[in-house]
């Protein structure tokens, strides 16, 4: 399709959206880059949003007002979310969201310490492309926090490149592309390219989950994700959802080609770990939520589903993972 034809097709989608003939903006890049360390999630007694909800808290506590994720998309009400998680076999945690420093940790204030790029997007988000640069060795979380915290305001910031983690190009370029076949049918391609000098593995975990709306007063019933069978693909099925506010979603299905393993969990608060973190840092505050984040049945059902796609990449080679989501089909 030529440039003029693509422009005409996008113009048609914009007109259909304007005239409410088709909701082409029903899904888009509506997840936050980071939800931690924001006033939206601040329940502290003193209004210190940065210290109340740090990056290290995010893997153990449920968000209340939004979600975040790598190359993330969601419906316009952010009830059902999709994003990418990665694991290089070296990090102590999954790479599910951007890492950064709070206002008190950075010598120049809050700062995300990652390298990521929004490469393309049409006005209706009918096509989107994102790039994340993922190190092959253990991510230097403690080094970035400790070194920046020890520096004065007159000194330069200690950046991710300064840690030497990208030396010899030992990183992956992770491209995520979205293309809409229909307003609620998304084709997804995840491409992992090894830029380093040696073979390396990156485990790719496309993740579908519901934003936690049920743990709060008046939140309504808990929705579920289930596994389904399909030839050559792992399928995560999301049941129809209706919120107390009257927002609704149809059934959705995420097809993960080549995913022999599907994992299920619950995006709720790991109360015990969150309380330990708060006490360790002198934050004697109530932590919203009361369920264990990461609990649930690995085989399903759950509120969060992951497809496990290990990628063993030779230097300079791409490993491609095609996926698709659709609405209303079994």
C-alpha atoms as a PDB file:
ATOM      1  CA  UNK A   1       0.000   0.000   0.000  1.00  0.00           C
ATOM      2  CA  UNK A   2       1.405   3.355  -1.028  1.00  0.00           C
ATOM      3  CA  UNK A   3       1.747   6.414   1.175  1.00  0.00           C
ATOM      4  CA  UNK A   4      -1.307   8.110  -0.338  1.00  0.00           C
ATOM      5  CA  UNK A   5      -3.453   5.000   0.122  1.00  0.00           C
ATOM      6  CA  UNK A   6      -2.358   4.652   3.759  1.00  0.00           C
ATOM      7  CA  UNK A   7      -3.204   8.322   4.376  1.00  0.00           C
ATOM      8  CA  UNK A   8      -6.627   7.872   2.775  1.00  0.00           C
ATOM      9  CA  UNK A   9      -7.306   4.788   4.923  1.00  0.00           C
ATOM     10  CA  UNK A  10      -6.386   6.663   8.091  1.00  0.00           C
ATOM     11  CA  UNK A  11      -8.554   9.604   7.039  1.00  0.00           C
ATOM     12  CA  UNK A  12     -11.456   7.187   6.640  1.00  0.00           C
ATOM     13  CA  UNK A  13     -10.838   5.820  10.137  1.00  0.00           C
ATOM     14  CA  UNK A  14     -10.775   9.346  11.564  1.00  0.00           C
ATOM     15  CA  UNK A  15     -14.084  10.178   9.847  1.00  0.00           C
ATOM     16  CA  UNK A  16     -15.668   6.946  11.096  1.00  0.00           C
ATOM     17  CA  UNK A  17     -14.525   7.801  14.622  1.00  0.00           C
ATOM     18  CA  UNK A  18     -15.824  11.371  14.384  1.00  0.00           C
ATOM     19  CA  UNK A  19     -19.202  10.213  13.040  1.00  0.00           C
ATOM     20  CA  UNK A  20     -19.331   7.407  15.650  1.00  0.00           C
ATOM     21  CA  UNK A  21     -19.588   4.750  13.006  1.00  0.00           C
ATOM     22  CA  UNK A  22     -16.561   2.876  14.373  1.00  0.00           C
ATOM     23  CA  UNK A  23     -14.623   3.358  17.608  1.00  0.00           C
ATOM     24  CA  UNK A  24     -11.080   3.207  16.225  1.00  0.00           C
ATOM     25  CA  UNK A  25      -9.722   4.809  19.398  1.00  0.00           C
ATOM     26  CA  UNK A  26     -11.275   2.154  21.650  1.00  0.00           C
ATOM     27  CA  UNK A  27      -7.744   0.792  22.163  1.00  0.00           C
ATOM     28  CA  UNK A  28      -4.594   2.846  22.331  1.00  0.00           C
ATOM     29  CA  UNK A  29      -1.388   3.658  24.256  1.00  0.00           C
ATOM     30  CA  UNK A  30      -3.324   4.708  27.338  1.00  0.00           C
ATOM     31  CA  UNK A  31      -1.124   3.107  30.001  1.00  0.00           C
ATOM     32  CA  UNK A  32       1.161   5.389  31.971  1.00  0.00           C
ATOM     33  CA  UNK A  33       4.898   5.233  31.421  1.00  0.00           C
ATOM     34  CA  UNK A  34       5.033   4.975  35.203  1.00  0.00           C
ATOM     35  CA  UNK A  35       2.219   4.977  37.717  1.00  0.00           C
ATOM     36  CA  UNK A  36       4.487   4.708  40.750  1.00  0.00           C
ATOM     37  CA  UNK A  37       5.650   7.941  42.389  1.00  0.00           C
ATOM     38  CA  UNK A  38       2.623   9.946  41.208  1.00  0.00           C
ATOM     39  CA  UNK A  39       0.030  11.968  43.095  1.00  0.00           C
ATOM     40  CA  UNK A  40      -2.630   9.689  41.637  1.00  0.00           C
ATOM     41  CA  UNK A  41      -1.467   6.866  43.899  1.00  0.00           C
ATOM     42  CA  UNK A  42      -0.622   8.977  46.958  1.00  0.00           C
ATOM     43  CA  UNK A  43      -2.396   7.936  50.165  1.00  0.00           C
ATOM     44  CA  UNK A  44       0.354   9.188  52.469  1.00  0.00           C
ATOM     45  CA  UNK A  45      -0.371  11.270  55.557  1.00  0.00           C
ATOM     46  CA  UNK A  46       2.071  13.999  54.577  1.00  0.00           C
ATOM     47  CA  UNK A  47       1.498  14.199  50.818  1.00  0.00           C
ATOM     48  CA  UNK A  48       4.903  12.739  49.930  1.00  0.00           C
ATOM     49  CA  UNK A  49       3.863  10.928  46.750  1.00  0.00           C
ATOM     50  CA  UNK A  50       7.408  10.022  45.708  1.00  0.00           C
ATOM     51  CA  UNK A  51       8.375   8.179  48.873  1.00  0.00           C
ATOM     52  CA  UNK A  52       4.946   6.660  49.406  1.00  0.00           C
ATOM     53  CA  UNK A  53       4.985   4.607  46.192  1.00  0.00           C
ATOM     54  CA  UNK A  54       8.429   3.897  44.729  1.00  0.00           C
ATOM     55  CA  UNK A  55       9.415   1.684  41.818  1.00  0.00           C
ATOM     56  CA  UNK A  56      10.325  -1.101  44.235  1.00  0.00           C
ATOM     57  CA  UNK A  57       6.790  -0.988  45.633  1.00  0.00           C
ATOM     58  CA  UNK A  58       5.165  -1.375  42.214  1.00  0.00           C
ATOM     59  CA  UNK A  59       5.754  -5.121  41.907  1.00  0.00           C
ATOM     60  CA  UNK A  60       4.091  -5.721  45.275  1.00  0.00           C
ATOM     61  CA  UNK A  61       1.231  -3.249  45.448  1.00  0.00           C
ATOM     62  CA  UNK A  62      -1.881  -2.815  43.349  1.00  0.00           C
ATOM     63  CA  UNK A  63      -2.418   0.541  41.713  1.00  0.00           C
ATOM     64  CA  UNK A  64      -5.713   2.277  42.395  1.00  0.00           C
ATOM     65  CA  UNK A  65      -6.157   4.772  39.566  1.00  0.00           C
ATOM     66  CA  UNK A  66      -4.206   3.461  36.589  1.00  0.00           C
ATOM     67  CA  UNK A  67      -1.650   1.010  35.257  1.00  0.00           C
ATOM     68  CA  UNK A  68       1.769   1.127  33.607  1.00  0.00           C
ATOM     69  CA  UNK A  69       3.769  -1.186  31.379  1.00  0.00           C
ATOM     70  CA  UNK A  70       6.333  -1.476  28.588  1.00  0.00           C
ATOM     71  CA  UNK A  71       4.798  -0.612  25.205  1.00  0.00           C
ATOM     72  CA  UNK A  72       1.430  -0.867  26.950  1.00  0.00           C
ATOM     73  CA  UNK A  73      -2.056  -0.471  25.481  1.00  0.00           C
ATOM     74  CA  UNK A  74      -5.510  -0.665  26.998  1.00  0.00           C
ATOM     75  CA  UNK A  75      -9.142   0.044  26.276  1.00  0.00           C
ATOM     76  CA  UNK A  76     -10.221   3.662  26.672  1.00  0.00           C
ATOM     77  CA  UNK A  77     -11.482   3.043  30.236  1.00  0.00           C
ATOM     78  CA  UNK A  78      -8.312   1.128  31.116  1.00  0.00           C
ATOM     79  CA  UNK A  79     -10.186  -1.927  32.358  1.00  0.00           C
ATOM     80  CA  UNK A  80      -8.211  -4.475  30.319  1.00  0.00           C
ATOM     81  CA  UNK A  81      -4.506  -3.887  29.698  1.00  0.00           C
ATOM     82  CA  UNK A  82      -1.771  -5.416  27.566  1.00  0.00           C
ATOM     83  CA  UNK A  83       1.969  -4.828  27.871  1.00  0.00           C
ATOM     84  CA  UNK A  84       5.298  -6.569  27.553  1.00  0.00           C
ATOM     85  CA  UNK A  85       7.357  -8.143  30.332  1.00  0.00           C
ATOM     86  CA  UNK A  86      10.942  -9.336  29.787  1.00  0.00           C
ATOM     87  CA  UNK A  87      13.501 -11.422  31.629  1.00  0.00           C
ATOM     88  CA  UNK A  88      17.138 -11.858  30.626  1.00  0.00           C
ATOM     89  CA  UNK A  89      17.772 -14.681  33.086  1.00  0.00           C
ATOM     90  CA  UNK A  90      20.004 -12.395  35.171  1.00  0.00           C
ATOM     91  CA  UNK A  91      17.680  -9.848  36.777  1.00  0.00           C
ATOM     92  CA  UNK A  92      16.130 -10.596  40.177  1.00  0.00           C
ATOM     93  CA  UNK A  93      12.729  -9.370  38.926  1.00  0.00           C
ATOM     94  CA  UNK A  94      10.834  -9.238  35.651  1.00  0.00           C
ATOM     95  CA  UNK A  95      11.204  -6.071  33.606  1.00  0.00           C
ATOM     96  CA  UNK A  96       7.524  -5.068  33.625  1.00  0.00           C
ATOM     97  CA  UNK A  97       7.801  -1.281  33.796  1.00  0.00           C
ATOM     98  CA  UNK A  98      10.284   1.540  33.452  1.00  0.00           C
ATOM     99  CA  UNK A  99      12.715   1.969  36.329  1.00  0.00           C
ATOM    100  CA  UNK A 100      13.536   5.339  37.802  1.00  0.00           C
ATOM    101  CA  UNK A 101      14.373   7.406  40.833  1.00  0.00           C
ATOM    102  CA  UNK A 102      12.017   9.321  43.082  1.00  0.00           C
ATOM    103  CA  UNK A 103      12.552  12.983  43.896  1.00  0.00           C
ATOM    104  CA  UNK A 104      14.581  12.140  46.992  1.00  0.00           C
ATOM    105  CA  UNK A 105      16.714   9.488  45.275  1.00  0.00           C
ATOM    106  CA  UNK A 106      17.937  11.526  42.311  1.00  0.00           C
ATOM    107  CA  UNK A 107      20.479  14.273  42.773  1.00  0.00           C
ATOM    108  CA  UNK A 108      18.474  16.334  40.268  1.00  0.00           C
ATOM    109  CA  UNK A 109      15.044  15.074  41.302  1.00  0.00           C
ATOM    110  CA  UNK A 110      12.906  12.314  39.844  1.00  0.00           C
ATOM    111  CA  UNK A 111      14.207  10.644  36.713  1.00  0.00           C
ATOM    112  CA  UNK A 112      13.508   7.502  34.672  1.00  0.00           C
ATOM    113  CA  UNK A 113      16.744   5.598  33.989  1.00  0.00           C
ATOM    114  CA  UNK A 114      15.859   3.673  30.838  1.00  0.00           C
ATOM    115  CA  UNK A 115      16.192   3.963  27.060  1.00  0.00           C
ATOM    116  CA  UNK A 116      12.941   3.659  25.111  1.00  0.00           C
ATOM    117  CA  UNK A 117      11.510   5.276  21.994  1.00  0.00           C
ATOM    118  CA  UNK A 118       8.062   5.861  20.523  1.00  0.00           C
ATOM    119  CA  UNK A 119       8.794   5.356  16.842  1.00  0.00           C
ATOM    120  CA  UNK A 120       5.414   5.697  15.163  1.00  0.00           C
ATOM    121  CA  UNK A 121       1.680   6.075  15.745  1.00  0.00           C
ATOM    122  CA  UNK A 122      -1.252   7.092  13.588  1.00  0.00           C
ATOM    123  CA  UNK A 123      -3.928   9.410  15.028  1.00  0.00           C
ATOM    124  CA  UNK A 124      -6.350   6.493  15.567  1.00  0.00           C
ATOM    125  CA  UNK A 125      -3.535   4.225  16.841  1.00  0.00           C
ATOM    126  CA  UNK A 126      -4.246   1.881  13.940  1.00  0.00           C
ATOM    127  CA  UNK A 127      -0.470   1.416  13.773  1.00  0.00           C
ATOM    128  CA  UNK A 128       2.039   1.931  16.582  1.00  0.00           C
ATOM    129  CA  UNK A 129       5.711   1.071  16.990  1.00  0.00           C
ATOM    130  CA  UNK A 130       7.869   1.149  20.139  1.00  0.00           C
ATOM    131  CA  UNK A 131      11.505   0.328  20.914  1.00  0.00           C
ATOM    132  CA  UNK A 132      12.982  -0.653  24.271  1.00  0.00           C
ATOM    133  CA  UNK A 133      16.693  -1.328  24.836  1.00  0.00           C
ATOM    134  CA  UNK A 134      17.044  -4.201  27.310  1.00  0.00           C
ATOM    135  CA  UNK A 135      20.467  -5.012  28.823  1.00  0.00           C
ATOM    136  CA  UNK A 136      21.652  -8.616  28.699  1.00  0.00           C
ATOM    137  CA  UNK A 137      23.279  -8.492  32.129  1.00  0.00           C
ATOM    138  CA  UNK A 138      21.633  -7.784  35.483  1.00  0.00           C
ATOM    139  CA  UNK A 139      20.013  -4.347  35.558  1.00  0.00           C
ATOM    140  CA  UNK A 140      21.930  -2.081  38.019  1.00  0.00           C
ATOM    141  CA  UNK A 141      18.973  -1.051  40.193  1.00  0.00           C
ATOM    142  CA  UNK A 142      20.922  -0.622  43.441  1.00  0.00           C
ATOM    143  CA  UNK A 143      23.897   1.047  41.733  1.00  0.00           C
ATOM    144  CA  UNK A 144      21.684   3.699  40.106  1.00  0.00           C
ATOM    145  CA  UNK A 145      19.841   4.450  43.333  1.00  0.00           C
ATOM    146  CA  UNK A 146      22.919   4.495  45.565  1.00  0.00           C
ATOM    147  CA  UNK A 147      25.229   6.487  43.291  1.00  0.00           C
ATOM    148  CA  UNK A 148      22.672   9.146  42.390  1.00  0.00           C
ATOM    149  CA  UNK A 149      21.567   9.537  45.979  1.00  0.00           C
ATOM    150  CA  UNK A 150      25.171  10.084  47.070  1.00  0.00           C
ATOM    151  CA  UNK A 151      25.842  12.822  44.489  1.00  0.00           C
ATOM    152  CA  UNK A 152      25.289  16.513  45.102  1.00  0.00           C
ATOM    153  CA  UNK A 153      23.132  18.803  43.014  1.00  0.00           C
ATOM    154  CA  UNK A 154      26.288  20.289  41.487  1.00  0.00           C
ATOM    155  CA  UNK A 155      27.430  16.912  40.145  1.00  0.00           C
ATOM    156  CA  UNK A 156      26.096  15.336  36.926  1.00  0.00           C
ATOM    157  CA  UNK A 157      23.485  12.627  37.063  1.00  0.00           C
ATOM    158  CA  UNK A 158      24.606   9.008  37.038  1.00  0.00           C
ATOM    159  CA  UNK A 159      22.954   7.570  33.955  1.00  0.00           C
ATOM    160  CA  UNK A 160      22.338   4.018  32.799  1.00  0.00           C
ATOM    161  CA  UNK A 161      25.081   4.355  30.172  1.00  0.00           C
ATOM    162  CA  UNK A 162      27.536   5.323  32.909  1.00  0.00           C
ATOM    163  CA  UNK A 163      27.118   1.904  34.541  1.00  0.00           C
ATOM    164  CA  UNK A 164      28.849   0.285  31.500  1.00  0.00           C
ATOM    165  CA  UNK A 165      25.945  -2.126  31.137  1.00  0.00           C
ATOM    166  CA  UNK A 166      25.781  -1.468  27.372  1.00  0.00           C
ATOM    167  CA  UNK A 167      29.494  -2.069  26.786  1.00  0.00           C
ATOM    168  CA  UNK A 168      30.205  -4.284  23.748  1.00  0.00           C
ATOM    169  CA  UNK A 169      26.590  -3.707  22.709  1.00  0.00           C
ATOM    170  CA  UNK A 170      25.380  -6.372  25.125  1.00  0.00           C
ATOM    171  CA  UNK A 171      21.715  -5.509  24.897  1.00  0.00           C
ATOM    172  CA  UNK A 172      18.548  -6.409  23.016  1.00  0.00           C
ATOM    173  CA  UNK A 173      16.553  -4.099  20.805  1.00  0.00           C
ATOM    174  CA  UNK A 174      12.954  -5.044  21.565  1.00  0.00           C
ATOM    175  CA  UNK A 175      10.494  -3.717  18.998  1.00  0.00           C
ATOM    176  CA  UNK A 176       6.744  -3.879  19.613  1.00  0.00           C
ATOM    177  CA  UNK A 177       4.368  -3.142  16.738  1.00  0.00           C
ATOM    178  CA  UNK A 178       0.568  -2.916  16.767  1.00  0.00           C
ATOM    179  CA  UNK A 179      -1.715  -2.906  13.731  1.00  0.00           C
ATOM    180  CA  UNK A 180      -5.509  -2.848  13.908  1.00  0.00           C
ATOM    181  CA  UNK A 181      -7.466  -5.136  11.614  1.00  0.00           C
ATOM    182  CA  UNK A 182     -10.650  -3.675  13.132  1.00  0.00           C
ATOM    183  CA  UNK A 183     -11.344  -1.262  16.005  1.00  0.00           C
ATOM    184  CA  UNK A 184     -10.997  -4.022  18.594  1.00  0.00           C
ATOM    185  CA  UNK A 185      -8.814  -6.528  16.720  1.00  0.00           C
ATOM    186  CA  UNK A 186      -5.097  -5.900  17.194  1.00  0.00           C
ATOM    187  CA  UNK A 187      -2.220  -7.695  15.515  1.00  0.00           C
ATOM    188  CA  UNK A 188       0.949  -7.519  17.602  1.00  0.00           C
ATOM    189  CA  UNK A 189       4.510  -8.300  16.576  1.00  0.00           C
ATOM    190  CA  UNK A 190       7.332  -8.437  19.120  1.00  0.00           C
ATOM    191  CA  UNK A 191      10.814  -8.535  17.577  1.00  0.00           C
ATOM    192  CA  UNK A 192      13.898  -9.144  19.704  1.00  0.00           C
ATOM    193  CA  UNK A 193      17.287  -8.402  18.155  1.00  0.00           C
ATOM    194  CA  UNK A 194      20.539  -9.345  19.865  1.00  0.00           C
ATOM    195  CA  UNK A 195      23.000  -6.476  19.371  1.00  0.00           C
ATOM    196  CA  UNK A 196      25.748  -8.170  21.368  1.00  0.00           C
ATOM    197  CA  UNK A 197      28.713 -10.282  20.231  1.00  0.00           C
ATOM    198  CA  UNK A 198      27.450 -13.599  21.659  1.00  0.00           C
ATOM    199  CA  UNK A 199      24.231 -15.632  21.699  1.00  0.00           C
ATOM    200  CA  UNK A 200      21.911 -14.561  24.502  1.00  0.00           C
ATOM    201  CA  UNK A 201      18.412 -15.365  25.746  1.00  0.00           C
ATOM    202  CA  UNK A 202      15.538 -13.011  26.478  1.00  0.00           C
ATOM    203  CA  UNK A 203      12.315 -14.469  27.783  1.00  0.00           C
ATOM    204  CA  UNK A 204       9.381 -12.587  26.290  1.00  0.00           C
ATOM    205  CA  UNK A 205       6.211 -12.483  28.392  1.00  0.00           C
ATOM    206  CA  UNK A 206       3.272 -10.745  26.674  1.00  0.00           C
ATOM    207  CA  UNK A 207       0.854  -9.951  29.472  1.00  0.00           C
ATOM    208  CA  UNK A 208      -2.894  -9.367  29.551  1.00  0.00           C
ATOM    209  CA  UNK A 209      -4.494  -8.221  32.801  1.00  0.00           C
ATOM    210  CA  UNK A 210      -7.410  -6.419  34.377  1.00  0.00           C
ATOM    211  CA  UNK A 211      -6.803  -3.213  36.267  1.00  0.00           C
ATOM    212  CA  UNK A 212      -7.662  -3.904  39.886  1.00  0.00           C
ATOM    213  CA  UNK A 213     -11.079  -2.311  40.425  1.00  0.00           C
ATOM    214  CA  UNK A 214     -12.457  -4.962  42.785  1.00  0.00           C
ATOM    215  CA  UNK A 215     -10.309  -4.499  45.910  1.00  0.00           C
ATOM    216  CA  UNK A 216     -11.807  -1.103  46.685  1.00  0.00           C
ATOM    217  CA  UNK A 217     -15.141  -0.263  48.262  1.00  0.00           C
ATOM    218  CA  UNK A 218     -17.903  -0.511  45.680  1.00  0.00           C
ATOM    219  CA  UNK A 219     -15.514  -1.998  43.141  1.00  0.00           C
ATOM    220  CA  UNK A 220     -17.800  -4.760  41.947  1.00  0.00           C
ATOM    221  CA  UNK A 221     -17.030  -8.392  41.082  1.00  0.00           C
ATOM    222  CA  UNK A 222     -13.604  -9.662  40.144  1.00  0.00           C
ATOM    223  CA  UNK A 223     -13.212 -10.480  36.413  1.00  0.00           C
ATOM    224  CA  UNK A 224     -11.317 -13.566  35.297  1.00  0.00           C
ATOM    225  CA  UNK A 225      -8.919 -14.671  32.580  1.00  0.00           C
ATOM    226  CA  UNK A 226      -8.914 -18.289  31.429  1.00  0.00           C
ATOM    227  CA  UNK A 227      -6.834 -20.471  29.158  1.00  0.00           C
ATOM    228  CA  UNK A 228      -8.241 -21.734  25.868  1.00  0.00           C
ATOM    229  CA  UNK A 229      -6.886 -24.146  23.296  1.00  0.00           C
ATOM    230  CA  UNK A 230      -5.975 -23.291  19.716  1.00  0.00           C
ATOM    231  CA  UNK A 231      -3.708 -24.947  17.172  1.00  0.00           C
ATOM    232  CA  UNK A 232      -0.160 -23.637  17.505  1.00  0.00           C
ATOM    233  CA  UNK A 233      -1.017 -20.878  19.969  1.00  0.00           C
ATOM    234  CA  UNK A 234      -1.667 -20.289  23.629  1.00  0.00           C
ATOM    235  CA  UNK A 235      -4.933 -18.410  24.123  1.00  0.00           C
ATOM    236  CA  UNK A 236      -5.885 -16.242  27.098  1.00  0.00           C
ATOM    237  CA  UNK A 237      -9.611 -15.526  27.215  1.00  0.00           C
ATOM    238  CA  UNK A 238     -11.010 -12.470  28.998  1.00  0.00           C
ATOM    239  CA  UNK A 239     -14.638 -12.730  29.999  1.00  0.00           C
ATOM    240  CA  UNK A 240     -17.168  -9.955  29.434  1.00  0.00           C
ATOM    241  CA  UNK A 241     -16.777  -7.237  32.076  1.00  0.00           C
ATOM    242  CA  UNK A 242     -19.272  -4.742  33.488  1.00  0.00           C
ATOM    243  CA  UNK A 243     -18.177  -2.227  36.145  1.00  0.00           C
ATOM    244  CA  UNK A 244     -20.400  -0.616  38.788  1.00  0.00           C
ATOM    245  CA  UNK A 245     -20.132   2.630  36.768  1.00  0.00           C
ATOM    246  CA  UNK A 246     -21.748   0.875  33.813  1.00  0.00           C
ATOM    247  CA  UNK A 247     -18.635   0.535  31.636  1.00  0.00           C
ATOM    248  CA  UNK A 248     -18.518  -2.767  29.799  1.00  0.00           C
ATOM    249  CA  UNK A 249     -16.140  -4.808  27.677  1.00  0.00           C
ATOM    250  CA  UNK A 250     -16.972  -7.783  25.472  1.00  0.00           C
ATOM    251  CA  UNK A 251     -15.107 -11.071  25.576  1.00  0.00           C
ATOM    252  CA  UNK A 252     -11.507 -10.739  24.382  1.00  0.00           C
ATOM    253  CA  UNK A 253      -8.910 -13.306  23.394  1.00  0.00           C
ATOM    254  CA  UNK A 254      -5.130 -12.970  23.266  1.00  0.00           C
ATOM    255  CA  UNK A 255      -3.479 -15.441  20.865  1.00  0.00           C
ATOM    256  CA  UNK A 256       0.219 -16.078  21.573  1.00  0.00           C
ATOM    257  CA  UNK A 257       1.695 -18.007  18.673  1.00  0.00           C
ATOM    258  CA  UNK A 258       4.212 -20.585  19.848  1.00  0.00           C
ATOM    259  CA  UNK A 259       3.488 -20.094  23.557  1.00  0.00           C
ATOM    260  CA  UNK A 260       3.485 -23.567  25.041  1.00  0.00           C
ATOM    261  CA  UNK A 261       3.200 -22.178  28.570  1.00  0.00           C
ATOM    262  CA  UNK A 262       0.569 -19.799  29.924  1.00  0.00           C
ATOM    263  CA  UNK A 263       0.808 -18.459  33.473  1.00  0.00           C
ATOM    264  CA  UNK A 264      -1.895 -16.820  35.566  1.00  0.00           C
ATOM    265  CA  UNK A 265      -1.709 -14.643  38.656  1.00  0.00           C
ATOM    266  CA  UNK A 266      -3.545 -11.763  40.349  1.00  0.00           C
ATOM    267  CA  UNK A 267      -2.512  -8.067  40.206  1.00  0.00           C
ATOM    268  CA  UNK A 268      -3.331  -7.385  43.843  1.00  0.00           C
ATOM    269  CA  UNK A 269      -1.241  -6.139  46.735  1.00  0.00           C
ATOM    270  CA  UNK A 270       1.383  -8.376  48.344  1.00  0.00           C
ATOM    271  CA  UNK A 271       0.522  -7.049  51.758  1.00  0.00           C
ATOM    272  CA  UNK A 272       3.317  -8.665  53.725  1.00  0.00           C
ATOM    273  CA  UNK A 273       6.141  -7.483  51.439  1.00  0.00           C
ATOM    274  CA  UNK A 274       4.654  -4.007  51.092  1.00  0.00           C
ATOM    275  CA  UNK A 275       4.412  -3.637  54.865  1.00  0.00           C
ATOM    276  CA  UNK A 276       7.999  -4.825  55.296  1.00  0.00           C
ATOM    277  CA  UNK A 277       9.178  -2.204  52.779  1.00  0.00           C
ATOM    278  CA  UNK A 278       7.217   0.526  54.540  1.00  0.00           C
ATOM    279  CA  UNK A 279       8.591  -0.401  57.958  1.00  0.00           C
ATOM    280  CA  UNK A 280      12.153  -0.719  56.653  1.00  0.00           C
ATOM    281  CA  UNK A 281      12.009   2.797  55.254  1.00  0.00           C
ATOM    282  CA  UNK A 282      10.184   4.282  58.239  1.00  0.00           C
ATOM    283  CA  UNK A 283       6.868   4.612  56.443  1.00  0.00           C
ATOM    284  CA  UNK A 284       4.419   3.436  59.097  1.00  0.00           C
ATOM    285  CA  UNK A 285       1.411   3.853  56.833  1.00  0.00           C
ATOM    286  CA  UNK A 286      -1.576   1.803  55.827  1.00  0.00           C
ATOM    287  CA  UNK A 287      -1.063  -0.002  52.521  1.00  0.00           C
ATOM    288  CA  UNK A 288      -4.246  -0.240  50.413  1.00  0.00           C
ATOM    289  CA  UNK A 289      -5.201  -3.747  49.301  1.00  0.00           C
ATOM    290  CA  UNK A 290      -5.202  -7.042  51.122  1.00  0.00           C
ATOM    291  CA  UNK A 291      -4.274  -9.815  48.743  1.00  0.00           C
ATOM    292  CA  UNK A 292      -0.969 -11.296  47.651  1.00  0.00           C
ATOM    293  CA  UNK A 293       0.271  -9.886  44.338  1.00  0.00           C
ATOM    294  CA  UNK A 294       1.599 -12.839  42.422  1.00  0.00           C
ATOM    295  CA  UNK A 295      -0.773 -15.282  44.077  1.00  0.00           C
ATOM    296  CA  UNK A 296      -3.328 -17.341  42.200  1.00  0.00           C
ATOM    297  CA  UNK A 297      -3.378 -20.477  40.106  1.00  0.00           C
ATOM    298  CA  UNK A 298      -0.491 -20.785  37.610  1.00  0.00           C
ATOM    299  CA  UNK A 299      -2.788 -22.745  35.304  1.00  0.00           C
ATOM    300  CA  UNK A 300      -5.661 -20.322  35.720  1.00  0.00           C
ATOM    301  CA  UNK A 301      -8.039 -18.782  36.077  1.00  0.00           C
ATOM    302  CA  UNK A 302      -6.666 -15.449  37.289  1.00  0.00           C
ATOM    303  CA  UNK A 303      -6.808 -11.716  36.664  1.00  0.00           C
ATOM    304  CA  UNK A 304      -3.436 -11.540  34.901  1.00  0.00           C
ATOM    305  CA  UNK A 305      -2.259 -13.909  32.170  1.00  0.00           C
ATOM    306  CA  UNK A 306       1.213 -14.254  30.631  1.00  0.00           C
ATOM    307  CA  UNK A 307       2.415 -16.158  27.597  1.00  0.00           C
ATOM    308  CA  UNK A 308       5.967 -17.481  28.000  1.00  0.00           C
ATOM    309  CA  UNK A 309       8.005 -17.052  24.779  1.00  0.00           C
ATOM    310  CA  UNK A 310      11.720 -17.767  25.307  1.00  0.00           C
ATOM    311  CA  UNK A 311      13.917 -16.140  22.666  1.00  0.00           C
ATOM    312  CA  UNK A 312      17.402 -17.514  22.042  1.00  0.00           C
ATOM    313  CA  UNK A 313      19.024 -14.941  19.795  1.00  0.00           C
ATOM    314  CA  UNK A 314      22.227 -15.172  17.842  1.00  0.00           C
ATOM    315  CA  UNK A 315      24.220 -11.946  17.404  1.00  0.00           C
ATOM    316  CA  UNK A 316      22.590  -9.586  14.923  1.00  0.00           C
ATOM    317  CA  UNK A 317      19.555 -11.815  14.411  1.00  0.00           C
ATOM    318  CA  UNK A 318      15.877 -11.113  15.086  1.00  0.00           C
ATOM    319  CA  UNK A 319      13.457 -13.387  16.904  1.00  0.00           C
ATOM    320  CA  UNK A 320       9.854 -12.532  15.985  1.00  0.00           C
ATOM    321  CA  UNK A 321       6.740 -13.305  18.024  1.00  0.00           C
ATOM    322  CA  UNK A 322       3.351 -12.728  16.358  1.00  0.00           C
ATOM    323  CA  UNK A 323       0.305 -12.218  18.574  1.00  0.00           C
ATOM    324  CA  UNK A 324      -3.271 -11.085  18.106  1.00  0.00           C
ATOM    325  CA  UNK A 325      -6.202  -9.914  20.192  1.00  0.00           C
ATOM    326  CA  UNK A 326      -9.837  -9.918  19.179  1.00  0.00           C
ATOM    327  CA  UNK A 327     -13.196  -9.069  20.676  1.00  0.00           C
ATOM    328  CA  UNK A 328     -16.242 -11.286  20.817  1.00  0.00           C
ATOM    329  CA  UNK A 329     -14.903 -14.406  19.113  1.00  0.00           C
ATOM    330  CA  UNK A 330     -14.239 -17.801  20.699  1.00  0.00           C
END
